[in-house]
Protein backbone atom coordinates (compact mmCIF):
# COMPACT_ATOMS: atom_id res chain seq x y z
CA MET A 1 108.26 88.60 126.74
CA ASN A 2 106.01 88.27 129.74
CA PRO A 3 107.55 88.81 133.20
CA ILE A 4 108.22 85.63 135.18
CA GLN A 5 106.93 86.04 138.72
CA ASN A 6 108.73 83.03 140.26
CA PRO A 7 111.84 81.91 138.37
CA GLU A 8 112.57 79.26 141.02
CA ALA A 9 109.35 77.43 140.11
CA LEU A 10 109.87 77.69 136.35
CA PRO A 11 109.22 74.30 134.68
CA LEU A 12 111.76 72.89 132.29
CA PRO A 13 111.02 73.74 128.64
CA ALA A 14 108.94 71.09 126.90
CA GLU A 15 110.65 68.76 124.49
CA ALA A 16 110.51 70.31 121.04
CA GLY A 17 113.83 70.35 119.21
CA GLY A 18 113.31 69.93 115.49
CA SER A 19 109.55 69.62 115.98
CA ALA A 20 109.21 73.13 117.46
CA HIS A 21 106.79 75.28 115.48
CA VAL A 22 103.91 77.70 115.52
CA ARG A 23 101.01 77.08 113.13
CA VAL A 24 97.86 79.08 112.38
CA GLU A 25 95.09 77.87 110.10
CA GLY A 26 92.26 79.96 108.71
CA VAL A 27 92.86 82.79 111.17
CA THR A 28 90.56 85.79 110.98
CA VAL A 29 90.70 88.84 113.27
CA THR A 30 88.13 91.63 113.18
CA ARG A 31 88.37 94.98 114.94
CA GLY A 32 85.08 96.86 114.91
CA SER A 33 83.87 96.87 111.31
CA ARG A 34 87.33 96.22 109.85
CA ARG A 35 88.72 92.78 109.11
CA VAL A 36 92.39 93.00 110.05
CA LEU A 37 93.33 89.43 109.09
CA ASN A 38 91.35 87.31 106.65
CA ASP A 39 91.74 83.52 106.44
CA VAL A 40 95.50 83.46 107.13
CA SER A 41 97.30 80.12 107.31
CA VAL A 42 101.03 79.76 107.90
CA THR A 43 103.45 77.50 109.75
CA VAL A 44 106.70 78.71 111.30
CA PRO A 45 108.71 75.48 111.71
CA SER A 46 112.20 74.92 113.00
CA ARG A 47 114.90 76.43 110.74
CA SER A 48 112.36 78.52 108.79
CA ARG A 49 112.94 82.20 108.05
CA ILE A 50 109.58 83.81 107.23
CA ALA A 51 109.11 87.50 106.48
CA VAL A 52 105.62 88.89 107.09
CA VAL A 53 105.16 91.77 104.64
CA GLY A 54 102.43 94.09 103.42
CA GLU A 55 101.23 97.66 103.53
CA ASN A 56 100.72 99.41 106.86
CA GLY A 57 97.44 98.32 108.41
CA ARG A 58 97.39 94.85 106.85
CA GLY A 59 97.69 93.12 110.22
CA LYS A 60 101.37 92.15 110.35
CA THR A 61 101.77 92.98 114.05
CA THR A 62 98.37 91.44 114.79
CA LEU A 63 99.50 88.18 113.20
CA LEU A 64 102.66 88.05 115.34
CA HIS A 65 100.54 88.58 118.44
CA VAL A 66 98.22 85.76 117.36
CA LEU A 67 101.24 83.49 116.85
CA ALA A 68 102.56 84.42 120.30
CA GLY A 69 99.21 83.87 122.02
CA LEU A 70 98.60 87.51 122.97
CA ILE A 71 95.52 87.71 120.72
CA THR A 72 92.86 85.05 120.33
CA PRO A 73 91.57 85.02 116.73
CA ASP A 74 87.85 85.33 115.98
CA GLU A 75 88.12 82.34 113.64
CA GLY A 76 90.76 79.68 112.97
CA THR A 77 93.14 77.63 115.08
CA VAL A 78 96.61 78.14 116.56
CA HIS A 79 99.05 75.38 117.56
CA ARG A 80 102.39 75.86 119.30
CA ALA A 81 105.22 73.50 120.21
CA GLY A 82 108.38 74.71 121.94
CA THR A 83 109.33 78.03 123.51
CA ILE A 84 108.44 81.33 121.87
CA GLY A 85 110.12 84.73 122.16
CA LEU A 86 108.34 87.87 120.97
CA ALA A 87 109.93 91.27 120.37
CA ARG A 88 107.24 93.92 120.19
CA GLN A 89 107.86 97.28 118.55
CA GLU A 90 107.60 99.10 121.87
CA LEU A 91 108.47 98.11 125.45
CA SER A 92 106.74 99.87 128.33
CA ALA A 93 108.57 100.25 131.63
CA ARG A 94 106.62 98.93 134.62
CA ASP A 95 107.27 100.21 138.13
CA GLY A 96 110.34 98.69 139.71
CA GLU A 97 111.60 96.96 136.57
CA THR A 98 115.30 97.13 135.84
CA VAL A 99 117.70 95.94 133.18
CA GLY A 100 118.30 93.00 135.52
CA SER A 101 114.57 92.15 135.42
CA LEU A 102 114.79 91.55 131.69
CA THR A 103 118.06 89.65 131.81
CA SER A 104 116.79 87.45 134.65
CA GLU A 105 113.69 86.65 132.63
CA ALA A 106 115.83 85.74 129.62
CA LEU A 107 118.08 83.49 131.72
CA ALA A 108 115.31 81.91 133.82
CA ALA A 109 114.80 78.78 131.69
CA SER A 110 118.54 78.11 131.44
CA LEU A 111 119.08 78.64 135.16
CA ALA A 112 116.12 76.38 135.96
CA ALA A 113 117.59 73.65 133.75
CA LEU A 114 120.99 73.93 135.45
CA ARG A 115 119.40 73.82 138.91
CA ALA A 116 117.40 70.74 137.96
CA LEU A 117 120.55 69.13 136.60
CA ASP A 118 122.47 69.86 139.81
CA GLU A 119 119.64 68.52 141.96
CA ALA A 120 119.34 65.33 139.90
CA ALA A 121 123.12 64.80 140.02
CA LEU A 122 123.09 65.19 143.81
CA ALA A 123 120.21 62.70 144.05
CA LEU A 124 122.17 60.23 141.95
CA THR A 125 125.13 60.42 144.33
CA GLU A 126 122.74 59.77 147.21
CA GLY A 127 121.43 56.63 145.52
CA ASP A 128 117.93 57.83 144.55
CA PRO A 129 116.73 55.21 141.99
CA ALA A 130 114.43 57.72 140.21
CA ALA A 131 117.13 60.34 139.80
CA GLY A 132 118.46 58.86 136.56
CA ASP A 133 115.37 59.82 134.58
CA ARG A 134 115.29 63.31 136.09
CA TYR A 135 118.95 63.76 135.26
CA ALA A 136 118.40 62.73 131.63
CA VAL A 137 115.49 65.19 131.24
CA ALA A 138 117.43 68.03 132.85
CA LEU A 139 120.55 67.32 130.78
CA ASP A 140 118.53 67.32 127.58
CA ALA A 141 116.89 70.64 128.48
CA ALA A 142 120.20 72.25 129.47
CA THR A 143 121.84 71.00 126.28
CA ARG A 144 119.12 72.28 124.00
CA LEU A 145 119.27 75.68 125.70
CA ASP A 146 123.07 75.62 125.86
CA ALA A 147 122.35 76.79 129.40
CA TRP A 148 125.99 76.91 130.51
CA ASP A 149 126.64 79.72 127.99
CA ALA A 150 123.37 81.64 128.41
CA GLU A 151 124.63 84.48 130.58
CA ARG A 152 127.62 85.09 128.32
CA ARG A 153 125.33 85.16 125.25
CA VAL A 154 123.14 87.83 126.85
CA ASP A 155 126.20 89.91 127.80
CA VAL A 156 127.60 89.62 124.27
CA ALA A 157 124.27 90.70 122.78
CA LEU A 158 123.94 93.65 125.16
CA ASP A 159 127.41 94.85 124.19
CA ALA A 160 126.95 94.28 120.45
CA LEU A 161 123.64 96.15 120.34
CA GLY A 162 124.96 99.06 122.39
CA ALA A 163 122.48 98.31 125.18
CA CYS A 164 122.72 99.25 128.83
CA GLN A 165 124.52 96.54 130.84
CA ASP A 166 123.93 98.00 134.31
CA ARG A 167 121.61 95.40 135.87
CA ASP A 168 120.42 97.89 138.53
CA ARG A 169 119.39 100.57 136.03
CA PRO A 170 115.59 101.19 136.15
CA LEU A 171 113.97 100.75 132.74
CA SER A 172 112.00 103.95 133.31
CA THR A 173 115.25 105.93 133.11
CA LEU A 174 116.10 104.55 129.67
CA SER A 175 114.89 105.92 126.34
CA VAL A 176 112.52 103.87 124.18
CA GLY A 177 115.44 102.90 121.95
CA GLN A 178 117.62 101.87 124.90
CA ARG A 179 114.88 99.74 126.40
CA TYR A 180 114.29 98.12 123.02
CA ARG A 181 117.95 97.18 122.64
CA VAL A 182 118.04 95.60 126.13
CA ARG A 183 114.96 93.52 125.41
CA LEU A 184 116.22 92.45 121.96
CA ALA A 185 119.58 91.39 123.43
CA CYS A 186 117.77 89.26 126.00
CA LEU A 187 115.71 87.57 123.31
CA LEU A 188 118.76 86.81 121.19
CA GLY A 189 120.57 85.34 124.16
CA ALA A 190 117.71 83.18 125.46
CA ARG A 191 117.69 80.48 122.77
CA HIS A 192 113.94 80.32 122.12
CA ASP A 193 112.69 77.67 119.69
CA VAL A 194 110.73 80.27 117.72
CA LEU A 195 111.47 83.99 117.48
CA LEU A 196 108.77 86.49 116.49
CA LEU A 197 110.30 89.90 115.79
CA ASP A 198 108.36 93.09 115.04
CA GLU A 199 110.56 95.73 113.36
CA PRO A 200 113.73 94.49 115.10
CA THR A 201 116.04 96.93 113.29
CA ASN A 202 114.44 99.97 114.94
CA HIS A 203 116.91 101.88 117.15
CA LEU A 204 119.98 99.92 115.95
CA ASP A 205 123.17 101.39 114.52
CA ALA A 206 125.24 99.78 111.77
CA ASP A 207 127.14 97.48 114.13
CA GLY A 208 123.92 96.44 115.83
CA LEU A 209 122.31 95.69 112.46
CA ASP A 210 125.24 93.51 111.44
CA PHE A 211 125.11 91.61 114.75
CA LEU A 212 121.34 91.09 114.50
CA THR A 213 121.64 89.78 110.94
CA ARG A 214 124.34 87.28 111.92
CA ARG A 215 122.41 86.03 114.94
CA LEU A 216 119.21 85.55 112.97
CA ARG A 217 121.02 83.64 110.25
CA GLU A 218 122.64 81.43 112.90
CA HIS A 219 119.40 80.89 114.84
CA GLY A 220 118.65 77.17 115.04
CA GLY A 221 114.90 77.56 115.52
CA GLY A 222 112.07 79.15 113.57
CA LEU A 223 111.78 82.84 112.80
CA ALA A 224 108.95 85.13 111.71
CA VAL A 225 109.92 88.76 111.22
CA VAL A 226 107.98 91.91 110.40
CA SER A 227 110.27 94.59 109.01
CA HIS A 228 110.49 97.47 106.56
CA ASP A 229 114.26 96.89 106.44
CA ARG A 230 114.72 95.39 102.98
CA ALA A 231 118.38 94.61 103.63
CA LEU A 232 117.41 92.44 106.61
CA LEU A 233 114.71 90.70 104.60
CA ARG A 234 117.12 90.05 101.73
CA ASP A 235 119.83 88.77 104.05
CA VAL A 236 117.66 86.58 106.28
CA ALA A 237 114.24 85.55 104.89
CA ASP A 238 113.67 82.47 102.74
CA ARG A 239 109.86 82.69 102.57
CA PHE A 240 107.50 85.65 102.36
CA LEU A 241 103.97 85.80 103.70
CA ASP A 242 102.46 88.73 101.80
CA LEU A 243 99.36 90.06 103.59
CA ASP A 244 98.44 92.45 100.78
CA PRO A 245 95.34 90.87 99.26
CA ALA A 246 95.95 88.95 96.07
CA ARG A 247 93.38 88.63 93.31
CA ASP A 248 91.19 86.37 95.45
CA GLY A 249 91.41 88.72 98.44
CA ARG A 250 93.66 86.38 100.44
CA PRO A 251 97.32 86.57 101.47
CA ARG A 252 99.99 84.58 99.65
CA LEU A 253 103.01 82.61 100.88
CA TYR A 254 105.97 82.73 98.49
CA ALA A 255 108.93 80.36 98.62
CA GLY A 256 112.44 81.62 97.92
CA GLY A 257 114.19 84.83 98.88
CA TYR A 258 113.40 88.49 98.36
CA ASP A 259 113.93 88.53 94.59
CA ALA A 260 111.86 85.37 94.09
CA TRP A 261 109.00 86.95 96.05
CA GLN A 262 109.17 90.16 94.02
CA GLU A 263 109.32 88.30 90.70
CA ALA A 264 106.38 86.03 91.57
CA ARG A 265 104.39 89.01 92.78
CA ARG A 266 105.20 90.92 89.58
CA ARG A 267 104.03 88.04 87.36
CA GLU A 268 100.80 87.67 89.34
CA ARG A 269 100.23 91.42 89.11
CA GLU A 270 100.70 91.40 85.33
CA ARG A 271 98.20 88.55 84.90
CA TRP A 272 95.79 90.29 87.25
CA GLU A 273 96.01 93.57 85.33
CA GLN A 274 95.65 91.80 81.98
CA ASP A 275 92.56 89.85 83.04
CA HIS A 276 91.01 92.94 84.61
CA ASP A 277 91.66 95.02 81.48
CA GLU A 278 90.21 92.30 79.24
CA GLN A 279 87.05 92.07 81.34
CA GLN A 280 86.64 95.82 81.36
CA ALA A 281 87.18 96.01 77.59
CA GLU A 282 84.63 93.25 76.97
CA HIS A 283 82.10 95.00 79.22
CA ARG A 284 82.61 98.24 77.32
CA ARG A 285 82.21 96.40 73.99
CA LEU A 286 78.93 94.83 75.09
CA ARG A 287 77.67 98.13 76.47
CA ASP A 288 78.49 99.88 73.18
CA ALA A 289 76.75 97.12 71.26
CA VAL A 290 73.58 97.61 73.31
CA SER A 291 73.76 101.37 72.75
CA LYS A 292 74.12 100.92 68.99
CA ALA A 293 71.27 98.40 68.85
CA ARG A 294 69.05 100.84 70.77
CA ASP A 295 69.95 103.62 68.33
CA ARG A 296 69.07 101.39 65.40
CA LEU A 297 65.71 100.61 66.99
CA SER A 298 64.84 104.29 67.33
CA THR A 299 66.23 105.61 64.03
CA GLY A 300 68.61 103.44 62.11
CA TRP A 301 66.20 100.71 60.89
CA ARG A 302 63.72 103.12 59.29
CA PRO A 303 63.68 103.02 55.47
CA GLU A 304 64.00 106.10 53.27
CA LYS A 305 61.10 108.52 53.05
CA GLY A 306 58.35 107.44 50.74
CA THR A 307 58.73 103.70 51.25
CA GLY A 308 55.80 101.72 52.53
CA LYS A 309 54.79 101.39 56.12
CA HIS A 310 54.85 97.61 55.80
CA GLN A 311 58.61 97.69 55.21
CA ARG A 312 59.15 99.41 58.55
CA GLN A 313 56.90 96.91 60.26
CA SER A 314 58.71 93.92 58.72
CA ARG A 315 62.16 95.13 59.84
CA ALA A 316 61.23 96.17 63.36
CA PRO A 317 61.10 92.69 64.95
CA GLY A 318 64.63 91.86 63.80
CA VAL A 319 66.06 95.05 65.26
CA VAL A 320 64.23 94.43 68.54
CA GLN A 321 65.54 90.88 68.68
CA ALA A 322 69.09 92.12 68.07
CA LEU A 323 68.73 94.63 70.92
CA ASN A 324 67.41 91.95 73.24
CA ARG A 325 70.30 89.63 72.40
CA GLN A 326 72.86 92.37 73.06
CA GLN A 327 71.15 93.32 76.34
CA GLU A 328 71.09 89.68 77.47
CA ALA A 329 74.80 89.34 76.68
CA LEU A 330 75.56 92.48 78.70
CA ASP A 331 73.44 91.30 81.63
CA ALA A 332 75.14 87.90 81.59
CA HIS A 333 78.64 89.37 81.58
CA ARG A 334 80.08 89.49 85.08
CA ILE A 335 83.14 91.45 86.18
CA ASP A 336 84.63 89.13 88.79
CA VAL A 337 88.26 90.31 88.61
CA PRO A 338 88.71 93.15 91.15
CA ALA A 339 90.69 96.24 90.28
CA PRO A 340 94.41 95.63 91.00
CA PRO A 341 96.01 97.77 93.72
CA PRO A 342 97.64 100.95 92.39
CA ALA A 343 101.31 101.04 91.46
CA LEU A 344 103.55 104.11 91.49
CA ARG A 345 103.53 106.07 88.24
CA TRP A 346 106.17 108.79 88.35
CA PRO A 347 105.11 111.80 86.26
CA ASP A 348 107.18 113.26 83.43
CA PRO A 349 108.89 116.25 85.06
CA GLY A 350 109.00 118.19 81.81
CA VAL A 351 112.62 119.10 82.43
CA ARG A 352 115.41 118.66 79.89
CA ARG A 353 118.33 116.59 81.07
CA GLY A 354 121.17 118.97 81.86
CA ALA A 355 118.86 121.97 82.31
CA PRO A 356 120.10 124.08 85.27
CA GLN A 357 118.14 123.56 88.49
CA LEU A 358 120.21 124.69 91.49
CA ARG A 359 123.61 126.03 92.51
CA ALA A 360 124.97 126.02 96.08
CA HIS A 361 128.18 127.90 96.90
CA GLY A 362 130.04 127.71 100.23
CA VAL A 363 126.98 126.63 102.20
CA ALA A 364 127.25 126.07 105.98
CA VAL A 365 124.93 126.36 109.00
CA ASP A 366 126.46 127.12 112.39
CA GLY A 367 126.18 124.17 114.75
CA ARG A 368 124.25 122.08 112.26
CA LEU A 369 126.16 121.74 108.99
CA ALA A 370 129.87 122.16 108.54
CA GLY A 371 131.04 123.66 105.28
CA PRO A 372 131.68 124.87 102.82
CA VAL A 373 129.43 122.72 100.59
CA ASP A 374 129.38 123.44 96.85
CA LEU A 375 126.84 121.75 94.60
CA VAL A 376 125.73 121.96 90.99
CA LEU A 377 122.45 120.18 90.25
CA ASP A 378 120.98 119.99 86.75
CA GLY A 379 118.23 117.96 85.14
CA GLY A 380 119.04 114.23 85.32
CA ASP A 381 121.70 114.64 88.03
CA ARG A 382 121.87 112.22 90.95
CA LEU A 383 123.38 112.69 94.41
CA LEU A 384 123.45 110.40 97.44
CA VAL A 385 124.04 112.16 100.78
CA THR A 386 125.42 110.00 103.59
CA GLY A 387 126.98 110.49 107.00
CA PRO A 388 126.38 109.83 110.70
CA ASN A 389 123.35 111.02 112.63
CA GLY A 390 123.65 114.70 113.52
CA ALA A 391 126.15 115.52 110.80
CA GLY A 392 123.69 117.75 108.95
CA LYS A 393 122.19 115.70 106.10
CA SER A 394 118.65 116.87 106.78
CA THR A 395 119.90 120.41 107.34
CA LEU A 396 121.62 120.41 103.95
CA LEU A 397 118.44 119.31 102.18
CA ALA A 398 116.45 121.97 104.04
CA VAL A 399 118.95 124.60 102.91
CA LEU A 400 118.71 123.43 99.28
CA ALA A 401 114.89 123.57 99.52
CA GLY A 402 114.97 127.12 100.90
CA ALA A 403 113.49 126.08 104.26
CA ILE A 404 116.65 127.14 106.16
CA THR A 405 118.83 130.15 105.41
CA PRO A 406 122.52 129.17 105.52
CA THR A 407 124.81 130.98 107.91
CA ASP A 408 127.45 131.08 105.20
CA GLY A 409 127.22 130.78 101.44
CA ARG A 410 124.19 131.00 99.19
CA VAL A 411 121.81 128.89 97.15
CA ARG A 412 120.46 129.91 93.75
CA THR A 413 117.54 128.20 92.07
CA ALA A 414 117.34 128.53 88.29
CA PRO A 415 114.41 130.61 86.93
CA GLY A 416 111.36 128.39 86.50
CA ALA A 417 112.95 125.42 88.33
CA ARG A 418 110.59 123.58 90.65
CA VAL A 419 112.32 122.22 93.78
CA VAL A 420 110.49 120.08 96.34
CA ARG A 421 111.56 118.28 99.52
CA VAL A 422 110.06 115.22 101.21
CA THR A 423 111.12 115.29 104.87
CA GLN A 424 111.93 112.33 107.14
CA GLU A 425 108.64 112.39 109.01
CA THR A 426 105.16 112.79 107.63
CA ALA A 427 103.96 116.35 107.18
CA GLU A 428 101.18 117.92 109.23
CA HIS A 429 97.95 118.01 107.22
CA ASP A 430 94.55 119.37 108.19
CA ALA A 431 93.07 116.35 109.98
CA GLU A 432 89.63 116.96 108.47
CA LEU A 433 90.77 117.14 104.85
CA THR A 434 90.67 114.05 102.68
CA ALA A 435 93.61 113.23 100.42
CA ARG A 436 91.72 114.66 97.42
CA GLU A 437 90.99 117.88 99.31
CA ALA A 438 94.58 118.21 100.55
CA HIS A 439 95.82 117.73 96.98
CA ALA A 440 93.37 120.32 95.60
CA ARG A 441 94.40 122.86 98.26
CA HIS A 442 98.12 122.22 97.63
CA VAL A 443 98.03 122.61 93.85
CA GLY A 444 95.64 125.56 94.17
CA ARG A 445 98.23 127.42 96.23
CA LEU A 446 100.98 126.60 93.73
CA VAL A 447 98.88 127.85 90.82
CA ALA A 448 97.77 130.97 92.72
CA ARG A 449 101.33 132.12 93.35
CA GLY A 450 102.42 131.35 89.80
CA ALA A 451 104.69 128.44 90.71
CA LEU A 452 102.68 126.01 88.58
CA ARG A 453 100.38 126.18 85.58
CA ASP A 454 97.01 124.43 85.62
CA THR A 455 98.06 122.33 82.65
CA ASP A 456 101.12 121.01 84.53
CA VAL A 457 99.24 119.72 87.59
CA VAL A 458 99.46 115.94 88.06
CA PRO A 459 96.06 114.53 89.15
CA LEU A 460 96.22 112.66 92.44
CA GLY A 461 94.73 109.50 90.98
CA ALA A 462 97.31 109.44 88.18
CA LEU A 463 100.18 108.74 90.57
CA GLY A 464 98.99 105.34 91.82
CA LEU A 465 100.04 106.15 95.39
CA LEU A 466 96.66 105.96 97.14
CA ASP A 467 93.80 103.55 96.56
CA SER A 468 90.17 104.64 96.31
CA ASP A 469 89.56 104.21 100.05
CA ALA A 470 92.61 106.26 101.00
CA LEU A 471 91.60 109.04 98.62
CA ARG A 472 88.41 109.53 100.63
CA THR A 473 90.02 109.17 104.08
CA PRO A 474 90.56 112.29 106.22
CA ALA A 475 94.24 112.85 106.96
CA GLY A 476 93.60 112.51 110.70
CA ARG A 477 92.51 108.89 110.21
CA MET A 478 95.28 107.86 107.81
CA SER A 479 98.02 105.43 108.80
CA GLN A 480 101.61 106.65 108.79
CA GLY A 481 102.17 104.81 105.53
CA GLN A 482 99.17 106.49 103.90
CA ARG A 483 100.27 109.92 105.11
CA ARG A 484 103.75 109.22 103.75
CA ARG A 485 102.22 108.33 100.38
CA LEU A 486 100.22 111.56 100.47
CA ASP A 487 103.39 113.56 101.14
CA LEU A 488 105.04 111.98 98.12
CA ALA A 489 101.95 112.60 95.99
CA LEU A 490 101.88 116.30 96.89
CA ALA A 491 105.58 116.60 96.09
CA LEU A 492 105.08 115.05 92.65
CA ALA A 493 101.88 116.98 91.87
CA GLY A 494 103.89 119.92 90.51
CA ARG A 495 106.26 117.85 88.31
CA PRO A 496 109.43 118.94 90.14
CA GLY A 497 112.68 119.30 88.25
CA LEU A 498 114.64 118.69 91.47
CA ILE A 499 113.34 116.45 94.26
CA LEU A 500 115.08 116.19 97.63
CA LEU A 501 114.27 112.97 99.49
CA ASP A 502 115.18 112.73 103.19
CA GLU A 503 115.00 109.10 104.36
CA PRO A 504 112.41 108.33 101.67
CA THR A 505 111.87 104.72 102.77
CA ASN A 506 110.43 105.69 106.19
CA HIS A 507 106.95 104.21 106.74
CA LEU A 508 106.74 102.77 103.22
CA SER A 509 106.24 99.12 102.29
CA SER A 510 109.00 97.14 100.61
CA VAL A 511 107.00 96.97 97.38
CA LEU A 512 106.52 100.73 97.13
CA VAL A 513 110.16 101.40 98.05
CA ASP A 514 111.28 99.15 95.20
CA GLU A 515 108.94 101.03 92.83
CA LEU A 516 110.24 104.35 94.14
CA THR A 517 113.85 103.25 93.69
CA ALA A 518 113.22 102.30 90.06
CA ALA A 519 111.43 105.61 89.44
CA ILE A 520 114.15 107.88 90.83
CA ARG A 521 116.77 106.03 88.84
CA ASP A 522 114.80 106.58 85.64
CA THR A 523 113.39 110.12 85.93
CA SER A 524 114.89 113.04 84.02
CA ALA A 525 114.51 115.23 87.09
CA ALA A 526 117.49 115.83 89.38
CA VAL A 527 117.30 113.70 92.52
CA VAL A 528 119.08 114.08 95.88
CA VAL A 529 118.64 111.30 98.45
CA ALA A 530 119.79 111.36 102.08
CA THR A 531 119.46 107.98 103.76
CA HIS A 532 120.73 105.38 106.21
CA ASP A 533 118.64 102.65 104.55
CA ARG A 534 121.09 99.83 103.88
CA GLN A 535 119.29 98.41 100.86
CA LEU A 536 118.75 101.82 99.30
CA LEU A 537 122.46 102.53 99.75
CA ARG A 538 123.17 99.26 97.92
CA ASP A 539 120.69 100.09 95.16
CA LEU A 540 122.15 103.58 94.64
CA ALA A 541 125.80 102.58 95.11
CA ASP A 542 126.65 103.82 91.58
CA TRP A 543 125.41 107.36 92.31
CA PRO A 544 127.82 110.20 93.07
CA ARG A 545 128.11 110.54 96.83
CA LEU A 546 128.46 113.47 99.21
CA VAL A 547 129.68 112.41 102.66
CA VAL A 548 128.60 114.85 105.36
CA SER A 549 130.76 114.49 108.45
CA GLU A 550 130.82 116.01 111.89
CA PRO A 551 132.52 119.42 112.23
CA PRO A 552 135.05 120.65 111.41
CA ALA A 553 134.95 119.08 107.95
CA VAL A 554 132.44 118.34 105.26
CA GLY A 555 133.79 115.90 102.72
CA VAL A 556 132.62 115.92 99.13
CA ARG A 557 134.00 113.01 97.19
CA ARG A 558 135.82 114.13 94.11
CA GLY A 559 133.45 114.36 91.18
CA ALA A 560 130.34 114.28 93.34
CA GLU A 561 129.13 117.70 92.26
CA ARG A 562 127.84 116.43 88.92
CA SER A 563 126.50 113.10 87.80
CA PRO A 564 128.37 111.41 84.98
CA GLY A 565 125.72 112.47 82.49
CA GLY A 566 125.33 116.00 83.92
């Protein structure tokens, strides 16, 4: 939202109603040598609910900024009708701005409509013959904005999102999350024709998430949302603009909800892989045929010793012609199906289901994790760790991984068991090392200290987590999503028998999270997941659960120590 310098002079919102929309056609945006958006076309009409999805770096935020008019595309056209509200991921605090600055901006259009209505009504009572038309326009604008209820809507949203309601509070004194919640509440209360939301679930608690979901479902205008929150996308979106390049290198718009998008994407991926494999197989066949024909020309066509020279001469032209035909066929064959993007391939952990992995007895950490916590984790076991922020979920996983020594109790890892932990935030890697080099260094250290045999190492390319470009990219130039993929790849490189995942969906695309969810449900390794992710909690609702609560108690649900099959 841009600041309004003179609310008194604000014009009434243009007539839009059901015709409100934002449309882009053939939009391309280039930054330096990189094409961020390529030939994107999409319309966000009234009542639409469009999710903009794709890997990090695909241009999702850039597209929202093009739709909002903050970025002018290098190619293509943009058309807008109606009012537009944009929620960026971050909100800077300018000098002198307060909570009241944002709420005044959100209410400006409604207040302008009410002032115009009052002025027109006064003119009517004074007999102004032109006042009737002005009154009709002002009444229509006030009605469409529901201007009489605007201030209450903003107050309700501020309260529901846990945002600061002190209008005199300077924005500079608020945290990033607090500023975000104020701005989001203002957007939800302003009644824009089209809402453009970039990661709107950031900084919201469970009640705030529920309120946001309800308001977006009730929104009478258009909506385009960028989010890694799969629960929000499932609950709200009815169309998906997938910016990950399809087979032709362009984005795709899918009708239907989350499952329809995933199913259509899966079918397209299967056809893509099949066609690519068939082309590669045919190319190999033709190449082998040329190689065999060349061998026959040099040796295979020669007759047995003692036969006449004329026999060799008579057979040579036919062999040469066969070679030429094979070479022509190979030259004519074109591979025009690009390699499909990689998909997660979880390695076989090499652990027997039920094989002992870890035992924790009476574990507690002063000031960080109440106890005692007792756990038995064997091959194939599953455990979901939940609880409020600050209760000690991350601390518990760090204790199990041996990164923190418990104040009370002890943790024993079975001989030969390989335990790894993926933390909430991306790990620090040498900025100059590529993904391949980081992987080689990591597994080299494991092998050197006897924690892993050479034969058990999982090659980086075998995991399907990083594409060819990312494999060659220095860690310092990777996106957060790529670094998160690298963290997961390094954790899986040693075929762990127990993997501890702390908020594993952070910085990962919806597609990869769905692949990861399927993999951890299927692996024979033991898996412990700590998360607030609403969709992951739904997907793992059948797992045994350990509820970590604030001191003085840690609650372990009865039967949570072992999975049903453990």
